[in-house]
mmCIF file of all heavy atoms, coordinates in Angstrom:
data_MODEL
# 
_entry.id   MODEL 
# 
loop_
_atom_site.group_PDB 
_atom_site.id 
_atom_site.type_symbol 
_atom_site.label_atom_id 
_atom_site.label_alt_id 
_atom_site.label_comp_id 
_atom_site.label_asym_id 
_atom_site.label_entity_id 
_atom_site.label_seq_id 
_atom_site.pdbx_PDB_ins_code 
_atom_site.Cartn_x 
_atom_site.Cartn_y 
_atom_site.Cartn_z 
_atom_site.occupancy 
_atom_site.B_iso_or_equiv 
_atom_site.pdbx_formal_charge 
_atom_site.auth_seq_id 
_atom_site.auth_comp_id 
_atom_site.auth_asym_id 
_atom_site.auth_atom_id 
_atom_site.pdbx_PDB_model_num 
ATOM 1   N N   . LEU A 1 1  ? -3.500  113.848 234.042 1.00 0.00 ? 1  LEU A N   1 
ATOM 2   C CA  . LEU A 1 1  ? -4.170  113.112 232.975 1.00 0.00 ? 1  LEU A CA  1 
ATOM 3   C C   . LEU A 1 1  ? -5.374  112.375 233.536 1.00 0.00 ? 1  LEU A C   1 
ATOM 4   O O   . LEU A 1 1  ? -5.295  111.745 234.596 1.00 0.00 ? 1  LEU A O   1 
ATOM 5   C CB  . LEU A 1 1  ? -3.205  112.112 232.338 1.00 0.00 ? 1  LEU A CB  1 
ATOM 6   C CG  . LEU A 1 1  ? -1.827  112.645 231.923 1.00 0.00 ? 1  LEU A CG  1 
ATOM 7   C CD1 . LEU A 1 1  ? -0.957  111.517 231.391 1.00 0.00 ? 1  LEU A CD1 1 
ATOM 8   C CD2 . LEU A 1 1  ? -1.963  113.743 230.890 1.00 0.00 ? 1  LEU A CD2 1 
ATOM 9   N N   . CYS A 1 2  ? -6.505  112.437 232.833 1.00 0.00 ? 2  CYS A N   1 
ATOM 10  C CA  . CYS A 1 2  ? -7.708  111.734 233.277 1.00 0.00 ? 2  CYS A CA  1 
ATOM 11  C C   . CYS A 1 2  ? -8.647  111.586 232.100 1.00 0.00 ? 2  CYS A C   1 
ATOM 12  O O   . CYS A 1 2  ? -8.413  112.130 231.014 1.00 0.00 ? 2  CYS A O   1 
ATOM 13  C CB  . CYS A 1 2  ? -8.383  112.483 234.432 1.00 0.00 ? 2  CYS A CB  1 
ATOM 14  S SG  . CYS A 1 2  ? -8.948  114.143 234.002 1.00 0.00 ? 2  CYS A SG  1 
ATOM 15  N N   . SER A 1 3  ? -9.735  110.867 232.306 1.00 0.00 ? 3  SER A N   1 
ATOM 16  C CA  . SER A 1 3  ? -10.727 110.687 231.252 1.00 0.00 ? 3  SER A CA  1 
ATOM 17  C C   . SER A 1 3  ? -11.482 111.989 231.013 1.00 0.00 ? 3  SER A C   1 
ATOM 18  O O   . SER A 1 3  ? -11.427 112.929 231.808 1.00 0.00 ? 3  SER A O   1 
ATOM 19  C CB  . SER A 1 3  ? -11.706 109.584 231.635 1.00 0.00 ? 3  SER A CB  1 
ATOM 20  O OG  . SER A 1 3  ? -12.552 110.024 232.683 1.00 0.00 ? 3  SER A OG  1 
ATOM 21  N N   . GLU A 1 4  ? -12.235 112.032 229.926 1.00 0.00 ? 4  GLU A N   1 
ATOM 22  C CA  . GLU A 1 4  ? -12.983 113.249 229.593 1.00 0.00 ? 4  GLU A CA  1 
ATOM 23  C C   . GLU A 1 4  ? -14.066 113.574 230.630 1.00 0.00 ? 4  GLU A C   1 
ATOM 24  O O   . GLU A 1 4  ? -14.182 114.736 231.046 1.00 0.00 ? 4  GLU A O   1 
ATOM 25  C CB  . GLU A 1 4  ? -13.572 113.108 228.189 1.00 0.00 ? 4  GLU A CB  1 
ATOM 26  C CG  . GLU A 1 4  ? -12.508 113.106 227.109 1.00 0.00 ? 4  GLU A CG  1 
ATOM 27  C CD  . GLU A 1 4  ? -13.036 112.746 225.726 1.00 0.00 ? 4  GLU A CD  1 
ATOM 28  O OE1 . GLU A 1 4  ? -13.790 111.750 225.625 1.00 0.00 ? 4  GLU A OE1 1 
ATOM 29  O OE2 . GLU A 1 4  ? -12.698 113.456 224.773 1.00 0.00 ? 4  GLU A OE2 1 
ATOM 30  N N   . PRO A 1 5  ? -14.851 112.604 231.109 1.00 0.00 ? 5  PRO A N   1 
ATOM 31  C CA  . PRO A 1 5  ? -15.800 112.943 232.177 1.00 0.00 ? 5  PRO A CA  1 
ATOM 32  C C   . PRO A 1 5  ? -15.095 113.397 233.459 1.00 0.00 ? 5  PRO A C   1 
ATOM 33  O O   . PRO A 1 5  ? -15.540 114.348 234.115 1.00 0.00 ? 5  PRO A O   1 
ATOM 34  C CB  . PRO A 1 5  ? -16.580 111.639 232.399 1.00 0.00 ? 5  PRO A CB  1 
ATOM 35  C CG  . PRO A 1 5  ? -16.445 110.900 231.123 1.00 0.00 ? 5  PRO A CG  1 
ATOM 36  C CD  . PRO A 1 5  ? -15.073 111.219 230.619 1.00 0.00 ? 5  PRO A CD  1 
ATOM 37  N N   . SER A 1 6  ? -14.001 112.734 233.816 1.00 0.00 ? 6  SER A N   1 
ATOM 38  C CA  . SER A 1 6  ? -13.277 113.127 235.029 1.00 0.00 ? 6  SER A CA  1 
ATOM 39  C C   . SER A 1 6  ? -12.729 114.541 234.916 1.00 0.00 ? 6  SER A C   1 
ATOM 40  O O   . SER A 1 6  ? -12.631 115.255 235.923 1.00 0.00 ? 6  SER A O   1 
ATOM 41  C CB  . SER A 1 6  ? -12.128 112.146 235.310 1.00 0.00 ? 6  SER A CB  1 
ATOM 42  O OG  . SER A 1 6  ? -12.623 110.896 235.740 1.00 0.00 ? 6  SER A OG  1 
ATOM 43  N N   . ALA A 1 7  ? -12.379 114.963 233.709 1.00 0.00 ? 7  ALA A N   1 
ATOM 44  C CA  . ALA A 1 7  ? -11.861 116.324 233.521 1.00 0.00 ? 7  ALA A CA  1 
ATOM 45  C C   . ALA A 1 7  ? -12.913 117.359 233.898 1.00 0.00 ? 7  ALA A C   1 
ATOM 46  O O   . ALA A 1 7  ? -12.568 118.461 234.348 1.00 0.00 ? 7  ALA A O   1 
ATOM 47  C CB  . ALA A 1 7  ? -11.428 116.509 232.072 1.00 0.00 ? 7  ALA A CB  1 
ATOM 48  N N   . LYS A 1 8  ? -14.179 117.003 233.739 1.00 0.00 ? 8  LYS A N   1 
ATOM 49  C CA  . LYS A 1 8  ? -15.257 117.926 234.123 1.00 0.00 ? 8  LYS A CA  1 
ATOM 50  C C   . LYS A 1 8  ? -15.561 117.851 235.615 1.00 0.00 ? 8  LYS A C   1 
ATOM 51  O O   . LYS A 1 8  ? -15.934 118.856 236.242 1.00 0.00 ? 8  LYS A O   1 
ATOM 52  C CB  . LYS A 1 8  ? -16.513 117.596 233.314 1.00 0.00 ? 8  LYS A CB  1 
ATOM 53  C CG  . LYS A 1 8  ? -17.641 118.606 233.467 1.00 0.00 ? 8  LYS A CG  1 
ATOM 54  C CD  . LYS A 1 8  ? -18.787 118.267 232.553 1.00 0.00 ? 8  LYS A CD  1 
ATOM 55  C CE  . LYS A 1 8  ? -19.892 119.334 232.610 1.00 0.00 ? 8  LYS A CE  1 
ATOM 56  N NZ  . LYS A 1 8  ? -19.482 120.604 231.999 1.00 0.00 ? 8  LYS A NZ  1 
ATOM 57  N N   . LEU A 1 9  ? -15.386 116.671 236.191 1.00 0.00 ? 9  LEU A N   1 
ATOM 58  C CA  . LEU A 1 9  ? -15.739 116.462 237.593 1.00 0.00 ? 9  LEU A CA  1 
ATOM 59  C C   . LEU A 1 9  ? -14.604 116.823 238.552 1.00 0.00 ? 9  LEU A C   1 
ATOM 60  O O   . LEU A 1 9  ? -14.857 117.234 239.695 1.00 0.00 ? 9  LEU A O   1 
ATOM 61  C CB  . LEU A 1 9  ? -16.134 114.992 237.804 1.00 0.00 ? 9  LEU A CB  1 
ATOM 62  C CG  . LEU A 1 9  ? -17.328 114.487 237.001 1.00 0.00 ? 9  LEU A CG  1 
ATOM 63  C CD1 . LEU A 1 9  ? -17.428 112.970 237.099 1.00 0.00 ? 9  LEU A CD1 1 
ATOM 64  C CD2 . LEU A 1 9  ? -18.614 115.142 237.470 1.00 0.00 ? 9  LEU A CD2 1 
ATOM 65  N N   . LEU A 1 10 ? -13.362 116.653 238.113 1.00 0.00 ? 10 LEU A N   1 
ATOM 66  C CA  . LEU A 1 10 ? -12.221 116.825 239.008 1.00 0.00 ? 10 LEU A CA  1 
ATOM 67  C C   . LEU A 1 10 ? -12.117 118.228 239.609 1.00 0.00 ? 10 LEU A C   1 
ATOM 68  O O   . LEU A 1 10 ? -11.855 118.350 240.819 1.00 0.00 ? 10 LEU A O   1 
ATOM 69  C CB  . LEU A 1 10 ? -10.931 116.456 238.278 1.00 0.00 ? 10 LEU A CB  1 
ATOM 70  C CG  . LEU A 1 10 ? -9.644  116.471 239.107 1.00 0.00 ? 10 LEU A CG  1 
ATOM 71  C CD1 . LEU A 1 10 ? -9.735  115.529 240.301 1.00 0.00 ? 10 LEU A CD1 1 
ATOM 72  C CD2 . LEU A 1 10 ? -8.435  116.106 238.236 1.00 0.00 ? 10 LEU A CD2 1 
ATOM 73  N N   . PRO A 1 11 ? -12.305 119.299 238.848 1.00 0.00 ? 11 PRO A N   1 
ATOM 74  C CA  . PRO A 1 11 ? -12.230 120.629 239.479 1.00 0.00 ? 11 PRO A CA  1 
ATOM 75  C C   . PRO A 1 11 ? -13.229 120.825 240.610 1.00 0.00 ? 11 PRO A C   1 
ATOM 76  O O   . PRO A 1 11 ? -12.934 121.526 241.587 1.00 0.00 ? 11 PRO A O   1 
ATOM 77  C CB  . PRO A 1 11 ? -12.506 121.583 238.305 1.00 0.00 ? 11 PRO A CB  1 
ATOM 78  C CG  . PRO A 1 11 ? -12.065 120.833 237.095 1.00 0.00 ? 11 PRO A CG  1 
ATOM 79  C CD  . PRO A 1 11 ? -12.449 119.404 237.384 1.00 0.00 ? 11 PRO A CD  1 
ATOM 80  N N   . ILE A 1 12 ? -14.406 120.209 240.507 1.00 0.00 ? 12 ILE A N   1 
ATOM 81  C CA  . ILE A 1 12 ? -15.404 120.331 241.575 1.00 0.00 ? 12 ILE A CA  1 
ATOM 82  C C   . ILE A 1 12 ? -14.883 119.672 242.849 1.00 0.00 ? 12 ILE A C   1 
ATOM 83  O O   . ILE A 1 12 ? -14.990 120.213 243.944 1.00 0.00 ? 12 ILE A O   1 
ATOM 84  C CB  . ILE A 1 12 ? -16.731 119.698 241.137 1.00 0.00 ? 12 ILE A CB  1 
ATOM 85  C CG1 . ILE A 1 12 ? -17.245 120.335 239.849 1.00 0.00 ? 12 ILE A CG1 1 
ATOM 86  C CG2 . ILE A 1 12 ? -17.777 119.836 242.251 1.00 0.00 ? 12 ILE A CG2 1 
ATOM 87  C CD1 . ILE A 1 12 ? -18.495 119.654 239.278 1.00 0.00 ? 12 ILE A CD1 1 
ATOM 88  N N   . VAL A 1 13 ? -14.314 118.470 242.708 1.00 0.00 ? 13 VAL A N   1 
ATOM 89  C CA  . VAL A 1 13 ? -13.767 117.749 243.860 1.00 0.00 ? 13 VAL A CA  1 
ATOM 90  C C   . VAL A 1 13 ? -12.611 118.531 244.482 1.00 0.00 ? 13 VAL A C   1 
ATOM 91  O O   . VAL A 1 13 ? -12.531 118.688 245.705 1.00 0.00 ? 13 VAL A O   1 
ATOM 92  C CB  . VAL A 1 13 ? -13.280 116.345 243.432 1.00 0.00 ? 13 VAL A CB  1 
ATOM 93  C CG1 . VAL A 1 13 ? -12.615 115.635 244.603 1.00 0.00 ? 13 VAL A CG1 1 
ATOM 94  C CG2 . VAL A 1 13 ? -14.433 115.520 242.922 1.00 0.00 ? 13 VAL A CG2 1 
ATOM 95  N N   . LEU A 1 14 ? -11.711 119.021 243.644 1.00 0.00 ? 14 LEU A N   1 
ATOM 96  C CA  . LEU A 1 14 ? -10.519 119.681 244.167 1.00 0.00 ? 14 LEU A CA  1 
ATOM 97  C C   . LEU A 1 14 ? -10.837 121.046 244.767 1.00 0.00 ? 14 LEU A C   1 
ATOM 98  O O   . LEU A 1 14 ? -10.158 121.494 245.686 1.00 0.00 ? 14 LEU A O   1 
ATOM 99  C CB  . LEU A 1 14 ? -9.468  119.808 243.065 1.00 0.00 ? 14 LEU A CB  1 
ATOM 100 C CG  . LEU A 1 14 ? -8.906  118.468 242.562 1.00 0.00 ? 14 LEU A CG  1 
ATOM 101 C CD1 . LEU A 1 14 ? -7.786  118.707 241.567 1.00 0.00 ? 14 LEU A CD1 1 
ATOM 102 C CD2 . LEU A 1 14 ? -8.411  117.608 243.722 1.00 0.00 ? 14 LEU A CD2 1 
ATOM 103 N N   . GLU A 1 15 ? -11.876 121.692 244.270 1.00 0.00 ? 15 GLU A N   1 
ATOM 104 C CA  . GLU A 1 15 ? -12.315 122.943 244.898 1.00 0.00 ? 15 GLU A CA  1 
ATOM 105 C C   . GLU A 1 15 ? -12.763 122.679 246.330 1.00 0.00 ? 15 GLU A C   1 
ATOM 106 O O   . GLU A 1 15 ? -12.412 123.409 247.259 1.00 0.00 ? 15 GLU A O   1 
ATOM 107 C CB  . GLU A 1 15 ? -13.451 123.572 244.098 1.00 0.00 ? 15 GLU A CB  1 
ATOM 108 C CG  . GLU A 1 15 ? -14.007 124.840 244.743 1.00 0.00 ? 15 GLU A CG  1 
ATOM 109 C CD  . GLU A 1 15 ? -15.154 125.444 243.959 1.00 0.00 ? 15 GLU A CD  1 
ATOM 110 O OE1 . GLU A 1 15 ? -15.280 125.149 242.747 1.00 0.00 ? 15 GLU A OE1 1 
ATOM 111 O OE2 . GLU A 1 15 ? -15.936 126.207 244.557 1.00 0.00 ? 15 GLU A OE2 1 
ATOM 112 N N   . ASP A 1 16 ? -13.520 121.608 246.505 1.00 0.00 ? 16 ASP A N   1 
ATOM 113 C CA  . ASP A 1 16 ? -13.986 121.250 247.846 1.00 0.00 ? 16 ASP A CA  1 
ATOM 114 C C   . ASP A 1 16 ? -12.810 120.867 248.738 1.00 0.00 ? 16 ASP A C   1 
ATOM 115 O O   . ASP A 1 16 ? -12.751 121.268 249.906 1.00 0.00 ? 16 ASP A O   1 
ATOM 116 C CB  . ASP A 1 16 ? -14.983 120.093 247.743 1.00 0.00 ? 16 ASP A CB  1 
ATOM 117 C CG  . ASP A 1 16 ? -15.700 119.819 249.046 1.00 0.00 ? 16 ASP A CG  1 
ATOM 118 O OD1 . ASP A 1 16 ? -16.405 120.710 249.542 1.00 0.00 ? 16 ASP A OD1 1 
ATOM 119 O OD2 . ASP A 1 16 ? -15.536 118.710 249.585 1.00 0.00 ? 16 ASP A OD2 1 
ATOM 120 N N   . ALA A 1 17 ? -11.858 120.093 248.201 1.00 0.00 ? 17 ALA A N   1 
ATOM 121 C CA  . ALA A 1 17 ? -10.688 119.701 248.979 1.00 0.00 ? 17 ALA A CA  1 
ATOM 122 C C   . ALA A 1 17 ? -9.849  120.921 249.366 1.00 0.00 ? 17 ALA A C   1 
ATOM 123 O O   . ALA A 1 17 ? -9.312  120.995 250.479 1.00 0.00 ? 17 ALA A O   1 
ATOM 124 C CB  . ALA A 1 17 ? -9.843  118.715 248.184 1.00 0.00 ? 17 ALA A CB  1 
ATOM 125 N N   . PHE A 1 18 ? -9.742  121.872 248.459 1.00 0.00 ? 18 PHE A N   1 
ATOM 126 C CA  . PHE A 1 18 ? -8.975  123.092 248.744 1.00 0.00 ? 18 PHE A CA  1 
ATOM 127 C C   . PHE A 1 18 ? -9.645  123.897 249.858 1.00 0.00 ? 18 PHE A C   1 
ATOM 128 O O   . PHE A 1 18 ? -8.979  124.420 250.757 1.00 0.00 ? 18 PHE A O   1 
ATOM 129 C CB  . PHE A 1 18 ? -8.858  123.933 247.470 1.00 0.00 ? 18 PHE A CB  1 
ATOM 130 C CG  . PHE A 1 18 ? -7.952  125.137 247.606 1.00 0.00 ? 18 PHE A CG  1 
ATOM 131 C CD1 . PHE A 1 18 ? -6.583  124.991 247.460 1.00 0.00 ? 18 PHE A CD1 1 
ATOM 132 C CD2 . PHE A 1 18 ? -8.470  126.392 247.873 1.00 0.00 ? 18 PHE A CD2 1 
ATOM 133 C CE1 . PHE A 1 18 ? -5.740  126.092 247.582 1.00 0.00 ? 18 PHE A CE1 1 
ATOM 134 C CE2 . PHE A 1 18 ? -7.650  127.493 247.992 1.00 0.00 ? 18 PHE A CE2 1 
ATOM 135 C CZ  . PHE A 1 18 ? -6.277  127.338 247.850 1.00 0.00 ? 18 PHE A CZ  1 
ATOM 136 N N   . LYS A 1 19 ? -10.975 123.990 249.820 1.00 0.00 ? 19 LYS A N   1 
ATOM 137 C CA  . LYS A 1 19 ? -11.706 124.710 250.860 1.00 0.00 ? 19 LYS A CA  1 
ATOM 138 C C   . LYS A 1 19 ? -11.471 124.083 252.229 1.00 0.00 ? 19 LYS A C   1 
ATOM 139 O O   . LYS A 1 19 ? -11.295 124.774 253.233 1.00 0.00 ? 19 LYS A O   1 
ATOM 140 C CB  . LYS A 1 19 ? -13.204 124.711 250.557 1.00 0.00 ? 19 LYS A CB  1 
ATOM 141 C CG  . LYS A 1 19 ? -13.632 125.596 249.406 1.00 0.00 ? 19 LYS A CG  1 
ATOM 142 C CD  . LYS A 1 19 ? -15.122 125.453 249.182 1.00 0.00 ? 19 LYS A CD  1 
ATOM 143 C CE  . LYS A 1 19 ? -15.614 126.258 248.008 1.00 0.00 ? 19 LYS A CE  1 
ATOM 144 N NZ  . LYS A 1 19 ? -17.063 126.041 247.765 1.00 0.00 ? 19 LYS A NZ  1 
ATOM 145 N N   . LEU A 1 20 ? -11.489 122.748 252.274 1.00 0.00 ? 20 LEU A N   1 
ATOM 146 C CA  . LEU A 1 20 ? -11.343 122.052 253.552 1.00 0.00 ? 20 LEU A CA  1 
ATOM 147 C C   . LEU A 1 20 ? -9.916  122.127 254.086 1.00 0.00 ? 20 LEU A C   1 
ATOM 148 O O   . LEU A 1 20 ? -9.716  122.208 255.293 1.00 0.00 ? 20 LEU A O   1 
ATOM 149 C CB  . LEU A 1 20 ? -11.758 120.583 253.390 1.00 0.00 ? 20 LEU A CB  1 
ATOM 150 C CG  . LEU A 1 20 ? -13.240 120.329 253.114 1.00 0.00 ? 20 LEU A CG  1 
ATOM 151 C CD1 . LEU A 1 20 ? -13.485 118.848 252.845 1.00 0.00 ? 20 LEU A CD1 1 
ATOM 152 C CD2 . LEU A 1 20 ? -14.094 120.801 254.282 1.00 0.00 ? 20 LEU A CD2 1 
ATOM 153 N N   . GLY A 1 21 ? -8.923  122.086 253.191 1.00 0.00 ? 21 GLY A N   1 
ATOM 154 C CA  . GLY A 1 21 ? -7.549  121.975 253.647 1.00 0.00 ? 21 GLY A CA  1 
ATOM 155 C C   . GLY A 1 21 ? -6.732  123.232 253.625 1.00 0.00 ? 21 GLY A C   1 
ATOM 156 O O   . GLY A 1 21 ? -5.718  123.329 254.327 1.00 0.00 ? 21 GLY A O   1 
ATOM 157 N N   . PHE A 1 22 ? -7.150  124.234 252.811 1.00 0.00 ? 22 PHE A N   1 
ATOM 158 C CA  . PHE A 1 22 ? -6.291  125.391 252.621 1.00 0.00 ? 22 PHE A CA  1 
ATOM 159 C C   . PHE A 1 22 ? -6.980  126.724 252.918 1.00 0.00 ? 22 PHE A C   1 
ATOM 160 O O   . PHE A 1 22 ? -6.580  127.444 253.826 1.00 0.00 ? 22 PHE A O   1 
ATOM 161 C CB  . PHE A 1 22 ? -5.732  125.394 251.184 1.00 0.00 ? 22 PHE A CB  1 
ATOM 162 C CG  . PHE A 1 22 ? -4.693  124.333 250.942 1.00 0.00 ? 22 PHE A CG  1 
ATOM 163 C CD1 . PHE A 1 22 ? -5.081  123.050 250.591 1.00 0.00 ? 22 PHE A CD1 1 
ATOM 164 C CD2 . PHE A 1 22 ? -3.351  124.596 251.083 1.00 0.00 ? 22 PHE A CD2 1 
ATOM 165 C CE1 . PHE A 1 22 ? -4.136  122.057 250.374 1.00 0.00 ? 22 PHE A CE1 1 
ATOM 166 C CE2 . PHE A 1 22 ? -2.400  123.618 250.868 1.00 0.00 ? 22 PHE A CE2 1 
ATOM 167 C CZ  . PHE A 1 22 ? -2.793  122.344 250.517 1.00 0.00 ? 22 PHE A CZ  1 
ATOM 168 N N   . SER A 1 23 ? -7.995  127.060 252.146 1.00 0.00 ? 23 SER A N   1 
ATOM 169 C CA  . SER A 1 23 ? -8.581  128.389 252.301 1.00 0.00 ? 23 SER A CA  1 
ATOM 170 C C   . SER A 1 23 ? -9.990  128.425 251.736 1.00 0.00 ? 23 SER A C   1 
ATOM 171 O O   . SER A 1 23 ? -10.298 127.718 250.763 1.00 0.00 ? 23 SER A O   1 
ATOM 172 C CB  . SER A 1 23 ? -7.719  129.433 251.579 1.00 0.00 ? 23 SER A CB  1 
ATOM 173 O OG  . SER A 1 23 ? -8.348  130.699 251.574 1.00 0.00 ? 23 SER A OG  1 
ATOM 174 N N   . ARG A 1 24 ? -10.846 129.250 252.336 1.00 0.00 ? 24 ARG A N   1 
ATOM 175 C CA  . ARG A 1 24 ? -12.177 129.491 251.798 1.00 0.00 ? 24 ARG A CA  1 
ATOM 176 C C   . ARG A 1 24 ? -12.261 130.856 251.126 1.00 0.00 ? 24 ARG A C   1 
ATOM 177 O O   . ARG A 1 24 ? -13.353 131.291 250.732 1.00 0.00 ? 24 ARG A O   1 
ATOM 178 C CB  . ARG A 1 24 ? -13.224 129.398 252.914 1.00 0.00 ? 24 ARG A CB  1 
ATOM 179 C CG  . ARG A 1 24 ? -13.435 127.972 253.414 1.00 0.00 ? 24 ARG A CG  1 
ATOM 180 C CD  . ARG A 1 24 ? -14.587 127.876 254.382 1.00 0.00 ? 24 ARG A CD  1 
ATOM 181 N NE  . ARG A 1 24 ? -14.891 126.493 254.725 1.00 0.00 ? 24 ARG A NE  1 
ATOM 182 C CZ  . ARG A 1 24 ? -15.731 125.715 254.053 1.00 0.00 ? 24 ARG A CZ  1 
ATOM 183 N NH1 . ARG A 1 24 ? -16.348 126.203 252.990 1.00 0.00 ? 24 ARG A NH1 1 
ATOM 184 N NH2 . ARG A 1 24 ? -15.957 124.481 254.420 1.00 0.00 ? 24 ARG A NH2 1 
ATOM 185 N N   . ASP A 1 25 ? -11.123 131.515 250.975 1.00 0.00 ? 25 ASP A N   1 
ATOM 186 C CA  . ASP A 1 25 ? -11.081 132.801 250.293 1.00 0.00 ? 25 ASP A CA  1 
ATOM 187 C C   . ASP A 1 25 ? -11.432 132.594 248.812 1.00 0.00 ? 25 ASP A C   1 
ATOM 188 O O   . ASP A 1 25 ? -10.760 131.831 248.111 1.00 0.00 ? 25 ASP A O   1 
ATOM 189 C CB  . ASP A 1 25 ? -9.695  133.424 250.436 1.00 0.00 ? 25 ASP A CB  1 
ATOM 190 C CG  . ASP A 1 25 ? -9.609  134.779 249.757 1.00 0.00 ? 25 ASP A CG  1 
ATOM 191 O OD1 . ASP A 1 25 ? -9.992  135.785 250.373 1.00 0.00 ? 25 ASP A OD1 1 
ATOM 192 O OD2 . ASP A 1 25 ? -9.165  134.817 248.589 1.00 0.00 ? 25 ASP A OD2 1 
ATOM 193 N N   . ARG A 1 26 ? -12.474 133.285 248.345 1.00 0.00 ? 26 ARG A N   1 
ATOM 194 C CA  . ARG A 1 26 ? -12.985 133.058 246.999 1.00 0.00 ? 26 ARG A CA  1 
ATOM 195 C C   . ARG A 1 26 ? -11.931 133.309 245.929 1.00 0.00 ? 26 ARG A C   1 
ATOM 196 O O   . ARG A 1 26 ? -11.805 132.549 244.959 1.00 0.00 ? 26 ARG A O   1 
ATOM 197 C CB  . ARG A 1 26 ? -14.195 133.963 246.768 1.00 0.00 ? 26 ARG A CB  1 
ATOM 198 C CG  . ARG A 1 26 ? -14.984 133.665 245.510 1.00 0.00 ? 26 ARG A CG  1 
ATOM 199 C CD  . ARG A 1 26 ? -15.669 132.319 245.602 1.00 0.00 ? 26 ARG A CD  1 
ATOM 200 N NE  . ARG A 1 26 ? -15.207 131.408 244.571 1.00 0.00 ? 26 ARG A NE  1 
ATOM 201 C CZ  . ARG A 1 26 ? -15.506 130.140 244.522 1.00 0.00 ? 26 ARG A CZ  1 
ATOM 202 N NH1 . ARG A 1 26 ? -16.260 129.593 245.456 1.00 0.00 ? 26 ARG A NH1 1 
ATOM 203 N NH2 . ARG A 1 26 ? -15.056 129.365 243.564 1.00 0.00 ? 26 ARG A NH2 1 
ATOM 204 N N   . ALA A 1 27 ? -11.166 134.384 246.084 1.00 0.00 ? 27 ALA A N   1 
ATOM 205 C CA  . ALA A 1 27 ? -10.153 134.729 245.087 1.00 0.00 ? 27 ALA A CA  1 
ATOM 206 C C   . ALA A 1 27 ? -9.079  133.654 245.009 1.00 0.00 ? 27 ALA A C   1 
ATOM 207 O O   . ALA A 1 27 ? -8.646  133.264 243.913 1.00 0.00 ? 27 ALA A O   1 
ATOM 208 C CB  . ALA A 1 27 ? -9.528  136.088 245.405 1.00 0.00 ? 27 ALA A CB  1 
ATOM 209 N N   . LYS A 1 28 ? -8.655  133.137 246.162 1.00 0.00 ? 28 LYS A N   1 
ATOM 210 C CA  . LYS A 1 28 ? -7.638  132.081 246.178 1.00 0.00 ? 28 LYS A CA  1 
ATOM 211 C C   . LYS A 1 28 ? -8.178  130.791 245.577 1.00 0.00 ? 28 LYS A C   1 
ATOM 212 O O   . LYS A 1 28 ? -7.464  130.083 244.858 1.00 0.00 ? 28 LYS A O   1 
ATOM 213 C CB  . LYS A 1 28 ? -7.156  131.840 247.608 1.00 0.00 ? 28 LYS A CB  1 
ATOM 214 C CG  . LYS A 1 28 ? -6.338  132.982 248.200 1.00 0.00 ? 28 LYS A CG  1 
ATOM 215 C CD  . LYS A 1 28 ? -5.865  132.654 249.609 1.00 0.00 ? 28 LYS A CD  1 
ATOM 216 C CE  . LYS A 1 28 ? -5.035  133.798 250.185 1.00 0.00 ? 28 LYS A CE  1 
ATOM 217 N NZ  . LYS A 1 28 ? -4.581  133.502 251.572 1.00 0.00 ? 28 LYS A NZ  1 
ATOM 218 N N   . ILE A 1 29 ? -9.442  130.494 245.867 1.00 0.00 ? 29 ILE A N   1 
ATOM 219 C CA  . ILE A 1 29 ? -10.051 129.282 245.320 1.00 0.00 ? 29 ILE A CA  1 
ATOM 220 C C   . ILE A 1 29 ? -10.104 129.356 243.801 1.00 0.00 ? 29 ILE A C   1 
ATOM 221 O O   . ILE A 1 29 ? -9.740  128.408 243.098 1.00 0.00 ? 29 ILE A O   1 
ATOM 222 C CB  . ILE A 1 29 ? -11.457 129.077 245.906 1.00 0.00 ? 29 ILE A CB  1 
ATOM 223 C CG1 . ILE A 1 29 ? -11.371 128.764 247.403 1.00 0.00 ? 29 ILE A CG1 1 
ATOM 224 C CG2 . ILE A 1 29 ? -12.195 127.960 245.168 1.00 0.00 ? 29 ILE A CG2 1 
ATOM 225 C CD1 . ILE A 1 29 ? -12.711 128.766 248.106 1.00 0.00 ? 29 ILE A CD1 1 
ATOM 226 N N   . GLU A 1 30 ? -10.562 130.491 243.273 1.00 0.00 ? 30 GLU A N   1 
ATOM 227 C CA  . GLU A 1 30 ? -10.667 130.644 241.825 1.00 0.00 ? 30 GLU A CA  1 
ATOM 228 C C   . GLU A 1 30 ? -9.298  130.569 241.161 1.00 0.00 ? 30 GLU A C   1 
ATOM 229 O O   . GLU A 1 30 ? -9.151  129.971 240.085 1.00 0.00 ? 30 GLU A O   1 
ATOM 230 C CB  . GLU A 1 30 ? -11.353 131.967 241.499 1.00 0.00 ? 30 GLU A CB  1 
ATOM 231 C CG  . GLU A 1 30 ? -12.839 131.982 241.866 1.00 0.00 ? 30 GLU A CG  1 
ATOM 232 C CD  . GLU A 1 30 ? -13.490 133.321 241.603 1.00 0.00 ? 30 GLU A CD  1 
ATOM 233 O OE1 . GLU A 1 30 ? -12.770 134.263 241.196 1.00 0.00 ? 30 GLU A OE1 1 
ATOM 234 O OE2 . GLU A 1 30 ? -14.708 133.439 241.809 1.00 0.00 ? 30 GLU A OE2 1 
# 
């Protein structure tokens, strides 16, 4: 749950966090 602006921004942040911590594989990221 988050605010409406955060709902647009959060996927960008979590994509970056996923790249740093888990995988840079494009298919896995998507």
